[in-house]
Amino acid sequence: MLLVGIAAGPAHADSIRSQQWHLDAMGAEEIWEISTGQGVKVAVIDSGVNATNPDLMGQVLKGKDLAPKEAGDEHTDYHGHGTSMAGLIAGTGESGGGDGAFGLAPGAKILPIRIPDSGWDINRSSKIKEYNRAASDGIRYATDEGAKVINMSQKVLEGSPELTAAVKYALDKGSLVFAGSGNDGDNSQGYPASTPGVVGVGALGKDLKKTEESQWGPQVDVSAPGEEMVHACNGKTGLCKSHGTSDATAIASATAALIWSKHPEWTNNQVLRVMLNTISAPTSGNKRNDYIGYGAVRPLRALKTPGDPGPADVFPLPDLAAAEPKSPSPEASEPVDSSESGTDDKPASAASAADGSSNTGLWIGLGVAAAALIGAAIAISVTRSRRS
């Protein structure tokens, strides 16, 4: 993810909220009349979350620090990445006298879990082991602390049995785990996204297609906006814009929080199934393809016309059952069909934004794209790293 700082105090026409095209595209105001994510705890396993950011005040809980070599604790963001993810999920827009950056689920609470950052050498064998160990501990802690949604916006080249077991633990206890597919623009697999049971997330641009950098392959289950995203962050102004599958993962996590807040009686399997059943599917007609997975998340449709959430105890993606061939499991429920993996040879677009139950679909705000980020003073501040 590349972060770019944004100067505070724009004119009304160029307000921070007006620059958040993805919220307009998803019908945020109408969404918030139904659900804000209140009552749902979202774990952000990352570089820490700055709880003093004006758009995150009161949103960040006490968490856990699994990076003792870094100064501070889980409320000290040594990279800036974790605060950005928290901002995309649960920003309140309170900064700048109410002209701040909103998250998609501004009523949700953030459980920060800080893990070590290994920078450019993350994929050395020893660093991969360090990541998998810390990430596994973080997943288990998040689950035990009652986090319904676990956001992991990182990618490494290898997983581990320890990571696989931690994800299974989270699912068995009723949580959902979302992870970014990666930003290398190829079809190489990465972890945690490729771990059985993790919901892998790809990034979409304003043109409804996967972004050039978004990795593709069987690990991509869903897609979400991941281009020119404006949000609260750890920079000097507290506001940044960025892009990547990290951002898309935060939007997918926030979508799950919105649904769960509206339907607290549903299990993790039912929440995920409704996300899949209300998704904007590939235009090819396939149920999924390797570029955008089953399609783009549509939280408004999921809230307004969720349909039947299905069985409470059946995981709706096929990878979990496939990873346990010796333990017969119920088949995944519709719309999942592992035989339709998609053979498109170019980035696939999402289906039309039209929503039969509403005039507001996923991309109703496409027309506001031209106004996004105009006139803002910009200072590039952070380099791209192993983050998704």
Protein backbone atom coordinates (compact mmCIF):
# COMPACT_ATOMS: atom_id res chain seq x y z
CA MET A 1 0.00 0.00 0.00
CA LEU A 2 1.24 3.49 -0.88
CA LEU A 3 0.21 6.28 1.47
CA VAL A 4 0.01 9.92 0.45
CA GLY A 5 -0.63 12.67 2.99
CA ILE A 6 -3.49 15.12 2.44
CA ALA A 7 -3.55 18.65 3.76
CA ALA A 8 -6.41 19.39 6.14
CA GLY A 9 -8.95 22.21 5.79
CA PRO A 10 -10.20 22.01 2.17
CA ALA A 11 -13.02 24.19 0.86
CA HIS A 12 -16.53 22.80 1.26
CA ALA A 13 -16.71 21.63 -2.36
CA ASP A 14 -13.56 19.62 -1.79
CA SER A 15 -14.39 18.35 1.67
CA ILE A 16 -12.75 15.19 2.90
CA ARG A 17 -16.04 13.31 2.77
CA SER A 18 -16.59 14.39 -0.85
CA GLN A 19 -13.25 12.82 -1.72
CA GLN A 20 -14.26 9.42 -0.37
CA TRP A 21 -15.66 8.19 -3.67
CA HIS A 22 -15.94 4.61 -2.48
CA LEU A 23 -18.48 5.57 0.20
CA ASP A 24 -20.66 7.37 -2.34
CA ALA A 25 -20.32 4.41 -4.69
CA MET A 26 -21.53 2.03 -2.03
CA GLY A 27 -24.39 4.23 -0.83
CA ALA A 28 -22.91 4.91 2.60
CA GLU A 29 -25.54 7.38 3.81
CA GLU A 30 -28.33 4.92 3.07
CA ILE A 31 -26.28 2.11 4.61
CA TRP A 32 -25.84 4.06 7.85
CA GLU A 33 -29.59 4.48 8.19
CA ILE A 34 -29.72 0.69 8.52
CA SER A 35 -26.42 -0.20 10.21
CA THR A 36 -23.19 1.46 11.29
CA GLY A 37 -21.49 -1.66 12.60
CA GLN A 38 -22.38 -0.82 16.20
CA GLY A 39 -21.77 -3.64 18.64
CA VAL A 40 -19.24 -5.41 16.42
CA LYS A 41 -15.57 -5.70 17.30
CA VAL A 42 -13.12 -5.75 14.38
CA ALA A 43 -9.57 -6.91 15.07
CA VAL A 44 -6.88 -5.17 13.04
CA ILE A 45 -3.76 -7.36 13.08
CA ASP A 46 -1.16 -4.96 11.78
CA SER A 47 1.44 -2.37 12.75
CA GLY A 48 -0.59 -0.92 15.60
CA VAL A 49 -3.41 1.63 15.63
CA ASN A 50 -3.01 5.24 16.75
CA ALA A 51 -5.95 5.71 19.09
CA THR A 52 -5.37 9.48 19.25
CA ASN A 53 -6.24 10.11 15.61
CA PRO A 54 -9.21 12.52 15.71
CA ASP A 55 -11.28 10.25 13.45
CA LEU A 56 -10.58 7.24 15.67
CA MET A 57 -11.06 8.78 19.10
CA GLY A 58 -13.14 6.42 21.21
CA GLN A 59 -13.07 3.75 18.51
CA VAL A 60 -9.93 1.86 19.51
CA LEU A 61 -9.98 -0.65 22.34
CA LYS A 62 -7.14 -1.99 24.43
CA GLY A 63 -5.53 -4.76 22.43
CA LYS A 64 -2.32 -6.74 22.41
CA ASP A 65 1.27 -5.98 21.48
CA LEU A 66 3.05 -8.89 19.77
CA ALA A 67 5.93 -6.72 18.55
CA PRO A 68 7.93 -6.11 21.74
CA LYS A 69 11.04 -5.03 19.81
CA GLU A 70 9.17 -1.95 18.57
CA ALA A 71 8.80 1.09 20.83
CA GLY A 72 5.44 1.62 22.46
CA ASP A 73 2.50 -0.77 22.41
CA GLU A 74 -0.48 -1.70 20.25
CA HIS A 75 -1.55 1.97 20.22
CA THR A 76 1.81 2.94 18.71
CA ASP A 77 1.75 2.55 14.94
CA TYR A 78 5.35 2.16 13.81
CA HIS A 79 4.44 1.95 10.12
CA GLY A 80 1.18 3.84 9.66
CA HIS A 81 -0.53 0.93 7.96
CA GLY A 82 -2.66 -0.30 10.85
CA THR A 83 -4.14 3.12 11.57
CA SER A 84 -5.10 3.46 7.91
CA MET A 85 -6.92 0.13 7.98
CA ALA A 86 -8.73 1.11 11.16
CA GLY A 87 -9.70 4.43 9.56
CA LEU A 88 -11.18 2.73 6.50
CA ILE A 89 -13.19 0.45 8.75
CA ALA A 90 -14.36 2.66 11.61
CA GLY A 91 -13.41 6.30 11.05
CA THR A 92 -16.00 8.69 12.52
CA GLY A 93 -15.40 11.80 10.40
CA GLU A 94 -15.08 13.93 13.54
CA SER A 95 -11.75 15.57 12.68
CA GLY A 96 -11.63 19.08 11.25
CA GLY A 97 -14.78 20.09 13.06
CA GLY A 98 -16.76 17.28 11.51
CA ASP A 99 -15.07 17.33 8.10
CA GLY A 100 -12.99 14.24 8.64
CA ALA A 101 -12.72 10.83 7.04
CA PHE A 102 -15.36 8.18 7.59
CA GLY A 103 -14.96 4.45 7.68
CA LEU A 104 -17.58 2.25 6.09
CA ALA A 105 -18.62 0.95 9.53
CA PRO A 106 -18.21 4.01 11.80
CA GLY A 107 -20.05 2.35 14.68
CA ALA A 108 -17.70 -0.62 14.93
CA LYS A 109 -14.90 -0.84 17.50
CA ILE A 110 -11.29 -1.65 16.63
CA LEU A 111 -9.27 -4.24 18.53
CA PRO A 112 -5.62 -3.43 17.71
CA ILE A 113 -3.12 -6.30 17.62
CA ARG A 114 0.41 -5.23 16.78
CA ILE A 115 2.71 -7.73 15.07
CA PRO A 116 6.33 -7.32 13.93
CA ASP A 117 7.08 -5.59 10.66
CA SER A 118 9.95 -7.16 8.74
CA GLY A 119 9.96 -4.67 5.87
CA TRP A 120 11.54 -5.60 2.58
CA ASP A 121 13.08 -8.83 3.91
CA ILE A 122 9.78 -10.28 5.08
CA ASN A 123 10.13 -13.29 2.81
CA ARG A 124 13.39 -14.50 4.24
CA SER A 125 12.73 -17.89 5.82
CA SER A 126 13.25 -16.65 9.38
CA LYS A 127 11.00 -13.64 8.84
CA ILE A 128 8.20 -15.75 7.37
CA LYS A 129 8.33 -17.93 10.46
CA GLU A 130 8.21 -14.84 12.66
CA TYR A 131 5.19 -13.49 10.80
CA ASN A 132 3.29 -16.77 10.87
CA ARG A 133 3.92 -17.20 14.57
CA ALA A 134 2.83 -13.67 15.49
CA ALA A 135 -0.14 -13.69 13.11
CA SER A 136 -1.34 -17.00 14.53
CA ASP A 137 -1.10 -15.69 18.07
CA GLY A 138 -2.94 -12.56 16.99
CA ILE A 139 -5.80 -14.53 15.43
CA ARG A 140 -6.27 -16.61 18.55
CA TYR A 141 -6.16 -13.55 20.79
CA ALA A 142 -8.67 -11.69 18.61
CA THR A 143 -11.02 -14.66 18.68
CA ASP A 144 -10.80 -15.05 22.45
CA GLU A 145 -11.47 -11.31 22.87
CA GLY A 146 -14.72 -11.58 20.94
CA ALA A 147 -13.69 -10.03 17.63
CA LYS A 148 -16.27 -11.17 15.09
CA VAL A 149 -14.19 -9.85 12.20
CA ILE A 150 -10.41 -10.19 11.86
CA ASN A 151 -8.66 -7.96 9.32
CA MET A 152 -5.21 -9.01 8.07
CA SER A 153 -3.91 -6.70 5.35
CA GLN A 154 -0.58 -8.43 4.77
CA LYS A 155 0.90 -10.99 2.41
CA VAL A 156 3.85 -13.38 2.78
CA LEU A 157 4.94 -16.14 0.42
CA GLU A 158 4.39 -19.07 2.74
CA GLY A 159 1.85 -20.06 5.34
CA SER A 160 2.28 -22.59 8.11
CA PRO A 161 0.36 -25.35 9.91
CA GLU A 162 0.28 -22.98 12.89
CA LEU A 163 -1.47 -20.30 10.82
CA THR A 164 -3.90 -22.81 9.34
CA ALA A 165 -4.79 -24.08 12.82
CA ALA A 166 -5.31 -20.54 14.11
CA VAL A 167 -7.71 -19.72 11.27
CA LYS A 168 -9.62 -22.93 11.92
CA TYR A 169 -9.79 -21.97 15.60
CA ALA A 170 -11.26 -18.59 14.70
CA LEU A 171 -13.87 -20.09 12.40
CA ASP A 172 -14.85 -22.74 14.92
CA LYS A 173 -15.32 -20.01 17.54
CA GLY A 174 -17.51 -17.94 15.22
CA SER A 175 -15.22 -15.32 13.67
CA LEU A 176 -14.41 -14.42 10.06
CA VAL A 177 -10.89 -13.72 8.79
CA PHE A 178 -10.24 -11.41 5.82
CA ALA A 179 -6.82 -10.96 4.14
CA GLY A 180 -5.47 -9.11 1.11
CA SER A 181 -4.45 -11.05 -1.98
CA GLY A 182 -1.35 -8.88 -2.48
CA ASN A 183 -0.11 -6.06 -4.72
CA ASP A 184 2.36 -7.75 -7.07
CA GLY A 185 -0.07 -7.84 -9.98
CA ASP A 186 0.51 -11.50 -10.77
CA ASN A 187 -1.07 -14.85 -9.94
CA SER A 188 1.37 -15.93 -7.26
CA GLN A 189 -0.30 -17.03 -4.07
CA GLY A 190 0.29 -15.43 -0.72
CA TYR A 191 -0.70 -15.91 2.88
CA PRO A 192 -2.85 -15.51 4.95
CA ALA A 193 -5.19 -15.10 1.93
CA SER A 194 -4.43 -18.59 0.61
CA THR A 195 -4.96 -20.22 4.00
CA PRO A 196 -8.07 -22.45 4.02
CA GLY A 197 -10.98 -20.58 5.57
CA VAL A 198 -9.57 -17.08 5.03
CA VAL A 199 -11.62 -14.78 2.80
CA GLY A 200 -9.10 -13.50 0.24
CA VAL A 201 -9.78 -9.97 -1.06
CA GLY A 202 -8.84 -8.34 -4.36
CA ALA A 203 -8.93 -4.63 -5.22
CA LEU A 204 -11.25 -2.89 -7.69
CA GLY A 205 -10.81 0.48 -9.32
CA LYS A 206 -13.43 3.06 -10.25
CA ASP A 207 -13.78 1.36 -13.65
CA LEU A 208 -15.18 -1.75 -11.91
CA LYS A 209 -12.15 -3.82 -12.90
CA LYS A 210 -9.45 -5.29 -10.74
CA THR A 211 -6.62 -2.83 -10.29
CA GLU A 212 -3.38 -3.50 -12.13
CA GLU A 213 -1.53 -4.26 -8.91
CA SER A 214 -4.15 -6.56 -7.39
CA GLN A 215 -2.97 -10.17 -7.43
CA TRP A 216 -5.23 -12.79 -8.93
CA GLY A 217 -5.72 -16.50 -8.53
CA PRO A 218 -7.74 -19.05 -6.58
CA GLN A 219 -7.09 -17.19 -3.32
CA VAL A 220 -9.35 -14.30 -4.39
CA ASP A 221 -12.83 -14.81 -2.96
CA VAL A 222 -14.30 -11.30 -3.08
CA SER A 223 -13.28 -7.83 -4.26
CA ALA A 224 -13.81 -4.31 -2.95
CA PRO A 225 -12.72 -0.74 -3.75
CA GLY A 226 -8.95 -0.28 -3.55
CA GLU A 227 -8.07 2.80 -5.58
CA GLU A 228 -7.58 6.42 -4.41
CA MET A 229 -8.96 5.64 -0.99
CA VAL A 230 -9.12 8.61 1.40
CA HIS A 231 -9.07 7.79 5.10
CA ALA A 232 -7.76 8.58 8.55
CA CYS A 233 -4.10 7.69 8.99
CA ASN A 234 -1.02 8.20 11.11
CA GLY A 235 0.48 11.04 9.06
CA LYS A 236 1.03 14.66 10.05
CA THR A 237 -2.45 15.76 9.00
CA GLY A 238 -4.12 12.53 10.11
CA LEU A 239 -5.54 12.09 6.61
CA CYS A 240 -4.15 10.08 3.69
CA LYS A 241 -5.05 8.52 0.39
CA SER A 242 -3.79 5.10 -0.65
CA HIS A 243 -4.45 2.12 -2.87
CA GLY A 244 -4.08 -1.63 -2.78
CA THR A 245 -5.66 -4.84 -1.61
CA SER A 246 -5.02 -3.76 1.98
CA ASP A 247 -7.66 -1.08 1.53
CA ALA A 248 -10.02 -3.49 -0.20
CA THR A 249 -9.64 -5.93 2.69
CA ALA A 250 -10.64 -3.24 5.18
CA ILE A 251 -13.78 -2.51 3.13
CA ALA A 252 -14.70 -6.20 3.03
CA SER A 253 -14.16 -6.45 6.79
CA ALA A 254 -16.33 -3.39 7.36
CA THR A 255 -19.05 -4.93 5.18
CA ALA A 256 -19.13 -8.00 7.41
CA ALA A 257 -19.34 -5.75 10.48
CA LEU A 258 -22.33 -3.89 9.03
CA ILE A 259 -24.20 -7.12 8.35
CA TRP A 260 -23.39 -8.60 11.74
CA SER A 261 -24.54 -5.47 13.53
CA LYS A 262 -27.90 -5.71 11.76
CA HIS A 263 -28.18 -9.45 12.38
CA PRO A 264 -26.28 -10.26 15.60
CA GLU A 265 -28.00 -13.64 15.81
CA TRP A 266 -26.34 -14.88 12.61
CA THR A 267 -23.25 -17.08 12.64
CA ASN A 268 -20.05 -16.33 10.76
CA ASN A 269 -21.15 -18.78 8.05
CA GLN A 270 -24.42 -16.94 7.55
CA VAL A 271 -22.83 -13.50 7.43
CA LEU A 272 -20.34 -14.66 4.80
CA ARG A 273 -23.04 -16.46 2.83
CA VAL A 274 -25.13 -13.30 2.63
CA MET A 275 -22.05 -11.38 1.47
CA LEU A 276 -21.61 -13.93 -1.31
CA ASN A 277 -25.30 -14.13 -2.22
CA THR A 278 -25.61 -10.36 -2.62
CA ILE A 279 -22.34 -9.81 -4.42
CA SER A 280 -21.90 -8.11 -7.82
CA ALA A 281 -20.81 -11.14 -9.84
CA PRO A 282 -18.44 -11.31 -12.84
CA THR A 283 -19.96 -10.12 -16.11
CA SER A 284 -18.76 -13.29 -17.82
CA GLY A 285 -21.64 -15.20 -16.27
CA ASN A 286 -19.38 -17.43 -14.21
CA LYS A 287 -20.03 -17.56 -10.50
CA ARG A 288 -16.41 -16.61 -9.92
CA ASN A 289 -13.17 -16.00 -11.72
CA ASP A 290 -9.60 -15.61 -10.59
CA TYR A 291 -9.57 -11.83 -11.03
CA ILE A 292 -12.38 -10.66 -8.77
CA GLY A 293 -13.41 -13.93 -7.12
CA TYR A 294 -17.18 -14.20 -6.68
CA GLY A 295 -17.43 -10.46 -7.24
CA ALA A 296 -17.64 -7.06 -5.56
CA VAL A 297 -19.14 -6.74 -2.09
CA ARG A 298 -22.42 -4.81 -1.92
CA PRO A 299 -23.19 -3.95 1.69
CA LEU A 300 -26.34 -1.97 0.92
CA ARG A 301 -27.92 -4.86 -0.93
CA ALA A 302 -26.80 -7.26 1.80
CA LEU A 303 -28.56 -5.10 4.38
CA LYS A 304 -31.74 -4.39 2.42
CA THR A 305 -32.34 -7.72 0.70
CA PRO A 306 -30.11 -10.32 2.37
CA GLY A 307 -32.23 -13.30 1.44
CA ASP A 308 -31.91 -16.61 3.23
CA PRO A 309 -28.67 -16.76 5.26
CA GLY A 310 -28.75 -20.53 5.01
CA PRO A 311 -27.44 -23.11 7.46
CA ALA A 312 -25.66 -21.79 10.52
CA ASP A 313 -22.98 -24.48 10.60
CA VAL A 314 -21.88 -24.81 6.95
CA PHE A 315 -18.93 -22.71 5.76
CA PRO A 316 -19.95 -21.26 2.37
CA LEU A 317 -16.56 -21.41 0.62
CA PRO A 318 -15.13 -24.70 -0.68
CA ASP A 319 -11.51 -24.37 0.43
CA LEU A 320 -12.04 -25.35 4.04
CA ALA A 321 -13.68 -28.68 3.19
CA ALA A 322 -11.15 -29.29 0.40
CA ALA A 323 -8.31 -28.94 2.89
CA GLU A 324 -9.75 -31.82 4.94
CA PRO A 325 -10.39 -34.60 2.39
CA LYS A 326 -10.34 -37.31 5.05
CA SER A 327 -13.06 -35.60 7.06
CA PRO A 328 -16.31 -35.56 5.07
CA SER A 329 -18.05 -32.21 5.32
CA PRO A 330 -21.31 -30.82 3.94
CA GLU A 331 -20.90 -29.34 0.49
CA ALA A 332 -20.57 -25.60 0.25
CA SER A 333 -23.84 -23.81 -0.35
CA GLU A 334 -24.76 -21.61 -3.28
CA PRO A 335 -23.47 -19.43 -4.88
CA VAL A 336 -20.14 -21.20 -4.51
CA ASP A 337 -19.15 -23.60 -7.26
CA SER A 338 -15.50 -24.60 -7.29
CA SER A 339 -15.80 -26.01 -10.81
CA GLU A 340 -16.38 -22.53 -12.21
CA SER A 341 -13.00 -21.03 -11.53
CA GLY A 342 -13.11 -18.67 -14.49
CA THR A 343 -10.78 -18.65 -17.47
CA ASP A 344 -10.88 -14.98 -18.40
CA ASP A 345 -7.55 -13.85 -19.83
CA LYS A 346 -7.89 -10.21 -18.80
CA PRO A 347 -9.02 -8.36 -15.68
CA ALA A 348 -12.73 -9.01 -15.31
CA SER A 349 -15.21 -6.29 -14.41
CA ALA A 350 -17.94 -6.61 -11.85
CA ALA A 351 -21.53 -6.90 -13.00
CA SER A 352 -23.76 -3.89 -13.53
CA ALA A 353 -24.24 -1.78 -10.43
CA ALA A 354 -28.01 -1.89 -10.76
CA ASP A 355 -29.64 -3.34 -7.69
CA GLY A 356 -33.13 -4.71 -8.24
CA SER A 357 -34.23 -3.66 -4.76
CA SER A 358 -32.83 -0.16 -4.86
CA ASN A 359 -31.63 2.59 -7.15
CA THR A 360 -28.42 2.55 -5.17
CA GLY A 361 -26.01 -0.19 -6.24
CA LEU A 362 -22.35 -0.69 -5.56
CA TRP A 363 -21.08 1.93 -7.95
CA ILE A 364 -23.76 4.65 -7.93
CA GLY A 365 -21.10 7.19 -7.07
CA LEU A 366 -18.99 6.53 -10.16
CA GLY A 367 -19.77 10.00 -11.42
CA VAL A 368 -18.16 11.62 -8.40
CA ALA A 369 -14.79 10.15 -9.30
CA ALA A 370 -13.79 13.17 -11.33
CA ALA A 371 -14.07 15.37 -8.26
CA ALA A 372 -12.06 13.14 -6.02
CA LEU A 373 -8.90 14.58 -4.50
CA ILE A 374 -8.94 17.77 -6.61
CA GLY A 375 -7.16 20.69 -5.06
CA ALA A 376 -5.71 18.85 -2.08
CA ALA A 377 -2.10 19.65 -1.21
CA ILE A 378 -0.18 16.40 -1.39
CA ALA A 379 3.08 15.18 0.11
CA ILE A 380 4.27 11.63 -0.52
CA SER A 381 5.40 10.20 2.78
CA VAL A 382 5.54 6.43 2.93
CA THR A 383 7.18 3.80 0.72
CA ARG A 384 5.52 0.67 -0.55
CA SER A 385 6.33 -2.44 1.49
CA ARG A 386 5.31 -6.03 1.89
CA ARG A 387 1.87 -4.86 2.97
CA SER A 388 -1.02 -6.00 0.78
